[in-house]
C-alpha atoms as a PDB file:
ATOM      1  CA  MET A   1     -13.512 -30.279   7.090  1.00  0.00           C
ATOM      2  CA  ASN A   2     -13.755 -29.513   3.183  1.00  0.00           C
ATOM      3  CA  LEU A   3     -12.144 -31.393   0.548  1.00  0.00           C
ATOM      4  CA  LYS A   4      -9.596 -29.003  -0.742  1.00  0.00           C
ATOM      5  CA  LYS A   5      -8.381 -29.771   3.326  1.00  0.00           C
ATOM      6  CA  ILE A   6      -9.096 -33.855   2.618  1.00  0.00           C
ATOM      7  CA  LEU A   7      -7.001 -34.030  -0.846  1.00  0.00           C
ATOM      8  CA  ILE A   8      -4.175 -32.580   0.697  1.00  0.00           C
ATOM      9  CA  ASN A   9      -3.720 -34.601   3.796  1.00  0.00           C
ATOM     10  CA  LEU A  10      -4.483 -37.682   1.383  1.00  0.00           C
ATOM     11  CA  LEU A  11      -0.928 -36.570  -0.585  1.00  0.00           C
ATOM     12  CA  ILE A  12       0.990 -35.575   2.053  1.00  0.00           C
ATOM     13  CA  ILE A  13      -0.147 -39.385   3.398  1.00  0.00           C
ATOM     14  CA  THR A  14       0.927 -40.656  -0.388  1.00  0.00           C
ATOM     15  CA  PHE A  15       4.198 -38.833   0.005  1.00  0.00           C
ATOM     16  CA  ALA A  16       4.566 -40.369   3.281  1.00  0.00           C
ATOM     17  CA  PHE A  17       3.912 -44.087   2.593  1.00  0.00           C
ATOM     18  CA  SER A  18       6.259 -43.971  -0.427  1.00  0.00           C
ATOM     19  CA  ALA A  19       9.637 -42.645   1.428  1.00  0.00           C
ATOM     20  CA  ILE A  20       9.168 -45.383   3.897  1.00  0.00           C
ATOM     21  CA  ALA A  21       9.264 -48.553   1.481  1.00  0.00           C
ATOM     22  CA  ASP A  22      12.203 -50.705   1.340  1.00  0.00           C
ATOM     23  CA  GLU A  23      13.104 -53.585  -0.941  1.00  0.00           C
ATOM     24  CA  LYS A  24      12.461 -55.678   1.939  1.00  0.00           C
ATOM     25  CA  VAL A  25       9.033 -55.021   1.962  1.00  0.00           C
ATOM     26  CA  LEU A  26       8.364 -55.331  -1.508  1.00  0.00           C
ATOM     27  CA  LYS A  27       9.482 -59.115  -1.207  1.00  0.00           C
ATOM     28  CA  ASP A  28       7.107 -59.585   1.718  1.00  0.00           C
ATOM     29  CA  LYS A  29       4.209 -57.868   0.427  1.00  0.00           C
ATOM     30  CA  ASN A  30       0.697 -59.247   1.599  1.00  0.00           C
ATOM     31  CA  THR A  31      -1.112 -56.521   3.025  1.00  0.00           C
ATOM     32  CA  GLU A  32      -2.563 -53.734   0.621  1.00  0.00           C
ATOM     33  CA  LEU A  33      -4.092 -50.681   2.407  1.00  0.00           C
ATOM     34  CA  SER A  34      -5.649 -47.631   0.798  1.00  0.00           C
ATOM     35  CA  VAL A  35      -7.144 -44.562   1.342  1.00  0.00           C
ATOM     36  CA  TYR A  36      -9.569 -42.521  -0.417  1.00  0.00           C
ATOM     37  CA  THR A  37     -11.675 -39.430  -0.672  1.00  0.00           C
ATOM     38  CA  GLY A  38     -14.186 -37.617  -2.585  1.00  0.00           C
ATOM     39  CA  MET A  39     -17.614 -36.321  -2.475  1.00  0.00           C
ATOM     40  CA  PHE A  40     -20.918 -38.944  -1.477  1.00  0.00           C
ATOM     41  CA  ASP A  41     -23.884 -39.120  -3.324  1.00  0.00           C
ATOM     42  CA  PHE A  42     -22.631 -36.205  -5.772  1.00  0.00           C
ATOM     43  CA  SER A  43     -25.744 -36.286  -7.456  1.00  0.00           C
ATOM     44  CA  ASP A  44     -28.405 -35.029  -4.908  1.00  0.00           C
ATOM     45  CA  ASP A  45     -27.342 -31.444  -4.084  1.00  0.00           C
ATOM     46  CA  GLY A  46     -29.509 -31.639  -0.729  1.00  0.00           C
ATOM     47  CA  LYS A  47     -27.884 -34.433   0.680  1.00  0.00           C
ATOM     48  CA  LYS A  48     -24.310 -34.555  -0.607  1.00  0.00           C
ATOM     49  CA  SER A  49     -21.009 -34.396   1.490  1.00  0.00           C
ATOM     50  CA  THR A  50     -17.333 -35.156   1.624  1.00  0.00           C
ATOM     51  CA  LEU A  51     -16.141 -38.342   2.548  1.00  0.00           C
ATOM     52  CA  ILE A  52     -12.781 -40.170   3.913  1.00  0.00           C
ATOM     53  CA  GLY A  53     -12.002 -44.067   3.838  1.00  0.00           C
ATOM     54  CA  PHE A  54      -9.794 -46.719   4.237  1.00  0.00           C
ATOM     55  CA  GLN A  55     -10.155 -50.505   2.950  1.00  0.00           C
ATOM     56  CA  HIS A  56      -8.107 -53.450   3.294  1.00  0.00           C
ATOM     57  CA  GLN A  57      -7.204 -56.304   1.190  1.00  0.00           C
ATOM     58  CA  ASN A  58      -5.104 -59.298   2.444  1.00  0.00           C
ATOM     59  CA  VAL A  59      -3.163 -60.137  -0.757  1.00  0.00           C
ATOM     60  CA  ASN A  60      -2.167 -63.726   0.472  1.00  0.00           C
ATOM     61  CA  LEU A  61      -6.104 -64.633   0.162  1.00  0.00           C
ATOM     62  CA  ASN A  62      -6.348 -63.791  -3.713  1.00  0.00           C
ATOM     63  CA  ARG A  63      -7.508 -67.043  -6.199  1.00  0.00           C
ATOM     64  CA  ASP A  64      -6.883 -66.615  -9.831  1.00  0.00           C
ATOM     65  CA  THR A  65     -10.337 -68.288 -11.430  1.00  0.00           C
ATOM     66  CA  PHE A  66     -11.445 -68.261 -14.617  1.00  0.00           C
ATOM     67  CA  PHE A  67     -13.047 -64.271 -14.537  1.00  0.00           C
ATOM     68  CA  GLY A  68     -10.172 -62.851 -13.194  1.00  0.00           C
ATOM     69  CA  ASN A  69      -8.247 -63.019  -9.458  1.00  0.00           C
ATOM     70  CA  PHE A  70     -10.314 -62.060  -6.708  1.00  0.00           C
ATOM     71  CA  SER A  71     -10.196 -61.196  -2.867  1.00  0.00           C
ATOM     72  CA  PRO A  72     -11.899 -60.376   0.028  1.00  0.00           C
ATOM     73  CA  ILE A  73     -11.566 -56.664   0.646  1.00  0.00           C
ATOM     74  CA  THR A  74     -13.153 -54.737   4.068  1.00  0.00           C
ATOM     75  CA  GLY A  75     -13.537 -51.109   4.919  1.00  0.00           C
ATOM     76  CA  PHE A  76     -15.357 -47.805   6.015  1.00  0.00           C
ATOM     77  CA  LEU A  77     -16.078 -44.905   4.979  1.00  0.00           C
ATOM     78  CA  LEU A  78     -17.117 -41.833   6.837  1.00  0.00           C
ATOM     79  CA  THR A  79     -19.059 -38.406   5.425  1.00  0.00           C
ATOM     80  CA  ALA A  80     -18.804 -34.873   6.632  1.00  0.00           C
ATOM     81  CA  ASP A  81     -22.725 -35.383   7.616  1.00  0.00           C
ATOM     82  CA  ASN A  82     -21.062 -38.188  10.179  1.00  0.00           C
ATOM     83  CA  ALA A  83     -23.023 -40.899   8.013  1.00  0.00           C
ATOM     84  CA  GLY A  84     -20.837 -44.082   8.432  1.00  0.00           C
ATOM     85  CA  TYR A  85     -20.690 -47.212   6.089  1.00  0.00           C
ATOM     86  CA  PHE A  86     -18.921 -50.756   6.896  1.00  0.00           C
ATOM     87  CA  TYR A  87     -18.484 -53.081   4.665  1.00  0.00           C
ATOM     88  CA  THR A  88     -16.611 -56.336   3.179  1.00  0.00           C
ATOM     89  CA  GLY A  89     -17.093 -58.277   0.223  1.00  0.00           C
ATOM     90  CA  VAL A  90     -15.033 -59.340  -2.945  1.00  0.00           C
ATOM     91  CA  GLN A  91     -13.019 -57.391  -5.662  1.00  0.00           C
ATOM     92  CA  ALA A  92     -11.933 -58.936  -9.121  1.00  0.00           C
ATOM     93  CA  GLN A  93      -8.368 -57.119 -10.436  1.00  0.00           C
ATOM     94  CA  TYR A  94      -7.826 -56.831 -13.978  1.00  0.00           C
ATOM     95  CA  LYS A  95      -4.317 -55.257 -15.064  1.00  0.00           C
ATOM     96  CA  LEU A  96      -3.630 -54.229 -18.375  1.00  0.00           C
ATOM     97  CA  GLY A  97      -0.246 -53.013 -18.397  1.00  0.00           C
ATOM     98  CA  VAL A  98       0.449 -49.968 -15.687  1.00  0.00           C
ATOM     99  CA  LEU A  99      -3.562 -49.649 -15.509  1.00  0.00           C
ATOM    100  CA  ASN A 100      -5.576 -51.405 -13.216  1.00  0.00           C
ATOM    101  CA  LEU A 101      -9.466 -51.937 -13.139  1.00  0.00           C
ATOM    102  CA  THR A 102     -10.664 -53.390 -10.302  1.00  0.00           C
ATOM    103  CA  PRO A 103     -14.870 -53.376  -9.506  1.00  0.00           C
ATOM    104  CA  SER A 104     -15.929 -54.613  -6.492  1.00  0.00           C
ATOM    105  CA  PHE A 105     -19.260 -55.902  -4.719  1.00  0.00           C
ATOM    106  CA  THR A 106     -19.620 -55.110  -0.864  1.00  0.00           C
ATOM    107  CA  PRO A 107     -22.435 -55.458   1.362  1.00  0.00           C
ATOM    108  CA  GLY A 108     -22.353 -53.312   4.575  1.00  0.00           C
ATOM    109  CA  ILE A 109     -24.147 -51.774   7.390  1.00  0.00           C
ATOM    110  CA  TYR A 110     -24.906 -47.914   7.280  1.00  0.00           C
ATOM    111  CA  HIS A 111     -25.438 -45.664   9.570  1.00  0.00           C
ATOM    112  CA  GLU A 112     -27.397 -42.494   8.959  1.00  0.00           C
ATOM    113  CA  GLY A 113     -26.094 -39.924  10.986  1.00  0.00           C
ATOM    114  CA  ASP A 114     -26.802 -36.255   9.580  1.00  0.00           C
ATOM    115  CA  GLY A 115     -26.485 -37.404   6.022  1.00  0.00           C
ATOM    116  CA  LYS A 116     -28.870 -39.193   3.468  1.00  0.00           C
ATOM    117  CA  ASP A 117     -31.308 -41.681   4.971  1.00  0.00           C
ATOM    118  CA  LEU A 118     -30.920 -44.775   2.619  1.00  0.00           C
ATOM    119  CA  GLY A 119     -33.912 -46.750   3.463  1.00  0.00           C
ATOM    120  CA  HIS A 120     -32.172 -49.423   5.746  1.00  0.00           C
ATOM    121  CA  LEU A 121     -29.445 -50.195   8.063  1.00  0.00           C
ATOM    122  CA  ILE A 122     -27.944 -53.161   4.893  1.00  0.00           C
ATOM    123  CA  GLU A 123     -26.654 -51.804   1.749  1.00  0.00           C
ATOM    124  CA  PHE A 124     -24.534 -52.440  -1.085  1.00  0.00           C
ATOM    125  CA  LYS A 125     -21.996 -51.025  -2.664  1.00  0.00           C
ATOM    126  CA  SER A 126     -21.111 -51.702  -6.082  1.00  0.00           C
ATOM    127  CA  GLU A 127     -17.837 -50.091  -7.485  1.00  0.00           C
ATOM    128  CA  LEU A 128     -15.279 -50.137 -10.274  1.00  0.00           C
ATOM    129  CA  GLN A 129     -12.205 -48.358  -9.277  1.00  0.00           C
ATOM    130  CA  MET A 130      -9.216 -47.907 -11.870  1.00  0.00           C
ATOM    131  CA  SER A 131      -5.473 -46.998 -11.007  1.00  0.00           C
ATOM    132  CA  LEU A 132      -2.217 -46.459 -12.509  1.00  0.00           C
ATOM    133  CA  ASP A 133       0.836 -48.561 -11.334  1.00  0.00           C
ATOM    134  CA  LEU A 134       3.205 -45.766  -9.454  1.00  0.00           C
ATOM    135  CA  SER A 135       5.516 -48.130  -8.257  1.00  0.00           C
ATOM    136  CA  LYS A 136       5.849 -51.794  -7.046  1.00  0.00           C
ATOM    137  CA  THR A 137       4.053 -50.624  -4.197  1.00  0.00           C
ATOM    138  CA  SER A 138       1.660 -47.935  -4.678  1.00  0.00           C
ATOM    139  CA  GLU A 139      -1.223 -46.645  -6.891  1.00  0.00           C
ATOM    140  CA  LEU A 140      -3.191 -43.674  -7.220  1.00  0.00           C
ATOM    141  CA  GLY A 141      -6.561 -44.331  -8.786  1.00  0.00           C
ATOM    142  CA  PHE A 142     -10.090 -42.792  -9.405  1.00  0.00           C
ATOM    143  CA  SER A 143     -13.466 -44.827  -8.450  1.00  0.00           C
ATOM    144  CA  TYR A 144     -17.034 -44.623  -8.708  1.00  0.00           C
ATOM    145  CA  ASN A 145     -19.582 -46.590  -6.711  1.00  0.00           C
ATOM    146  CA  HIS A 146     -23.450 -46.850  -5.803  1.00  0.00           C
ATOM    147  CA  ILE A 147     -24.937 -47.818  -2.319  1.00  0.00           C
ATOM    148  CA  SER A 148     -28.779 -48.984  -2.397  1.00  0.00           C
ATOM    149  CA  ASN A 149     -30.343 -51.515  -0.214  1.00  0.00           C
ATOM    150  CA  ALA A 150     -31.724 -53.446  -3.133  1.00  0.00           C
ATOM    151  CA  SER A 151     -35.578 -52.725  -2.352  1.00  0.00           C
ATOM    152  CA  LEU A 152     -35.250 -53.565   1.468  1.00  0.00           C
ATOM    153  CA  GLY A 153     -36.632 -50.845   3.007  1.00  0.00           C
ATOM    154  CA  ASP A 154     -39.873 -48.737   1.865  1.00  0.00           C
ATOM    155  CA  LYS A 155     -37.617 -46.228  -0.031  1.00  0.00           C
ATOM    156  CA  ASN A 156     -34.572 -47.065  -1.887  1.00  0.00           C
ATOM    157  CA  PRO A 157     -32.672 -43.378  -3.029  1.00  0.00           C
ATOM    158  CA  GLY A 158     -29.554 -44.944  -3.495  1.00  0.00           C
ATOM    159  CA  ALA A 159     -26.327 -43.047  -3.340  1.00  0.00           C
ATOM    160  CA  ASN A 160     -23.509 -42.035  -6.253  1.00  0.00           C
ATOM    161  CA  SER A 161     -20.257 -41.433  -5.156  1.00  0.00           C
ATOM    162  CA  TYR A 162     -16.408 -40.654  -6.690  1.00  0.00           C
ATOM    163  CA  MET A 163     -13.120 -40.890  -4.911  1.00  0.00           C
ATOM    164  CA  PHE A 164      -9.589 -40.504  -5.188  1.00  0.00           C
ATOM    165  CA  ASN A 165      -7.806 -43.334  -4.242  1.00  0.00           C
ATOM    166  CA  PHE A 166      -4.534 -43.915  -2.800  1.00  0.00           C
ATOM    167  CA  PHE A 167      -2.950 -47.493  -2.240  1.00  0.00           C
ATOM    168  CA  LYS A 168       0.049 -49.148  -0.392  1.00  0.00           C
ATOM    169  CA  ASN A 169       1.243 -52.570  -0.529  1.00  0.00           C
ATOM    170  CA  PHE A 170       3.196 -53.791   2.779  1.00  0.00           C
END
């Protein structure tokens, strides 16, 4: 599946989710789902690949701290080369008006499939998302991440990726 088809499907999903939101959902929202698509390891011409992913955040588990609002996240991504990464970790949220900055750190399990060998089963993803509020229950954003095994394996090539994100609260 090419990136153009993935982006078109993402836009269709975006409008479908927005159309079914109602006021009762706005008041009782406690789950945020994110769907994203982009380019896995865009800096490696030999192994770059399109990707699609999903992420879940339970808003009830948010905690306000001195360092910001923190919450647990869980998700996975799949590449066109059948590589996959399942992760769980923590993200911080900083709201600046309609702009949201969301750094996260998520350890996870990586399977290379026919994609890039990252050197180990255990990998760590550091990410920064920037998003804009579209409504009270949805956001559209862009994110960049780096996946690395922190030298747990014999090699540690890492992978740099960018994604376009759509977030929906239910």
